[in-house]
Amino acid sequence: MNSTAKFVTGFLLGSTLGLGAGLLWAPSTGRQTRKKLEKKSKKLAKKMAGLMGKEEKFQGAAGRRRAGKTQVEI
C-alpha cells in the first residue's frame, strides 16, 4: 500500500471513529440526534438538488454559447 492510500485509509478510519465517539458522548438523546441528522440530511439533499439544477442550467448555457449564440441566460 502506498503512502497516499495509507493516509486516506487512516483519515477515513479516524473520521469514522471520531464520529462514533461524538455520537456516543453527545449531549442530546438518541431520538433528538436522529431528528437533527434527518433534518440536516434533508436540507443538504435539497441544497444539492438546487446545485445540480444550476449546474445543468450552466451546462446548457455553455452548449448554446459554443453553438454560436452570443447571449446566454443563466
Protein backbone atom coordinates (compact mmCIF):
# COMPACT_ATOMS: atom_id res chain seq x y z
CA MET A 1 0.00 0.00 0.00
CA ASN A 2 1.48 3.37 -0.98
CA SER A 3 1.63 6.38 1.32
CA THR A 4 -1.40 8.10 -0.22
CA ALA A 5 -3.59 5.05 0.27
CA LYS A 6 -2.35 4.72 3.86
CA PHE A 7 -3.16 8.36 4.53
CA VAL A 8 -6.67 8.11 3.06
CA THR A 9 -7.36 4.89 4.97
CA GLY A 10 -6.14 6.44 8.22
CA PHE A 11 -8.14 9.59 7.62
CA LEU A 12 -11.36 7.70 6.93
CA LEU A 13 -10.84 5.39 9.90
CA GLY A 14 -10.09 8.31 12.22
CA SER A 15 -13.10 10.25 10.95
CA THR A 16 -15.38 7.27 11.48
CA LEU A 17 -14.09 6.65 14.99
CA GLY A 18 -14.37 10.35 15.84
CA LEU A 19 -17.93 10.49 14.57
CA GLY A 20 -18.85 7.41 16.57
CA ALA A 21 -17.31 8.79 19.75
CA GLY A 22 -19.04 12.12 19.23
CA LEU A 23 -22.40 10.44 18.86
CA LEU A 24 -21.85 8.30 21.93
CA TRP A 25 -20.95 11.23 24.16
CA ALA A 26 -23.37 13.72 22.60
CA PRO A 27 -25.43 15.85 24.99
CA SER A 28 -28.65 15.00 23.12
CA THR A 29 -30.65 11.80 23.36
CA GLY A 30 -30.57 9.32 20.51
CA ARG A 31 -34.01 10.37 19.33
CA GLN A 32 -33.04 14.05 19.28
CA THR A 33 -29.78 13.29 17.49
CA ARG A 34 -31.56 11.21 14.84
CA LYS A 35 -34.09 14.03 14.30
CA LYS A 36 -31.29 16.56 13.89
CA LEU A 37 -29.45 14.28 11.46
CA GLU A 38 -32.64 13.71 9.48
CA LYS A 39 -33.35 17.45 9.25
CA LYS A 40 -29.82 18.27 8.22
CA SER A 41 -29.67 15.48 5.64
CA LYS A 42 -32.95 16.62 4.07
CA LYS A 43 -31.67 20.20 3.99
CA LEU A 44 -28.42 19.03 2.38
CA ALA A 45 -30.33 16.95 -0.19
CA LYS A 46 -32.43 20.00 -1.16
CA LYS A 47 -29.31 22.13 -1.43
CA MET A 48 -27.56 19.54 -3.60
CA ALA A 49 -30.63 19.25 -5.85
CA GLY A 50 -30.57 23.02 -6.28
CA LEU A 51 -26.89 22.99 -7.11
CA MET A 52 -27.40 20.19 -9.63
CA GLY A 53 -30.15 22.22 -11.28
CA LYS A 54 -27.82 25.20 -11.54
CA GLU A 55 -25.06 23.00 -12.94
CA GLU A 56 -27.40 21.57 -15.60
CA LYS A 57 -28.58 25.08 -16.47
CA PHE A 58 -24.95 26.22 -16.78
CA GLN A 59 -24.05 23.25 -18.98
CA GLY A 60 -26.98 24.08 -21.29
CA ALA A 61 -25.94 27.72 -21.46
CA ALA A 62 -22.34 26.73 -22.22
CA GLY A 63 -23.57 24.47 -25.02
CA ARG A 64 -25.64 27.26 -26.53
CA ARG A 65 -22.65 29.57 -26.27
CA ARG A 66 -20.46 27.07 -28.14
CA ALA A 67 -23.17 26.74 -30.78
CA GLY A 68 -22.66 30.38 -31.72
CA LYS A 69 -25.37 32.13 -29.75
CA THR A 70 -23.94 35.26 -28.18
CA GLN A 71 -26.40 35.89 -25.33
CA VAL A 72 -26.54 33.34 -22.57
CA GLU A 73 -29.18 33.44 -19.84
CA ILE A 74 -28.26 31.89 -16.54
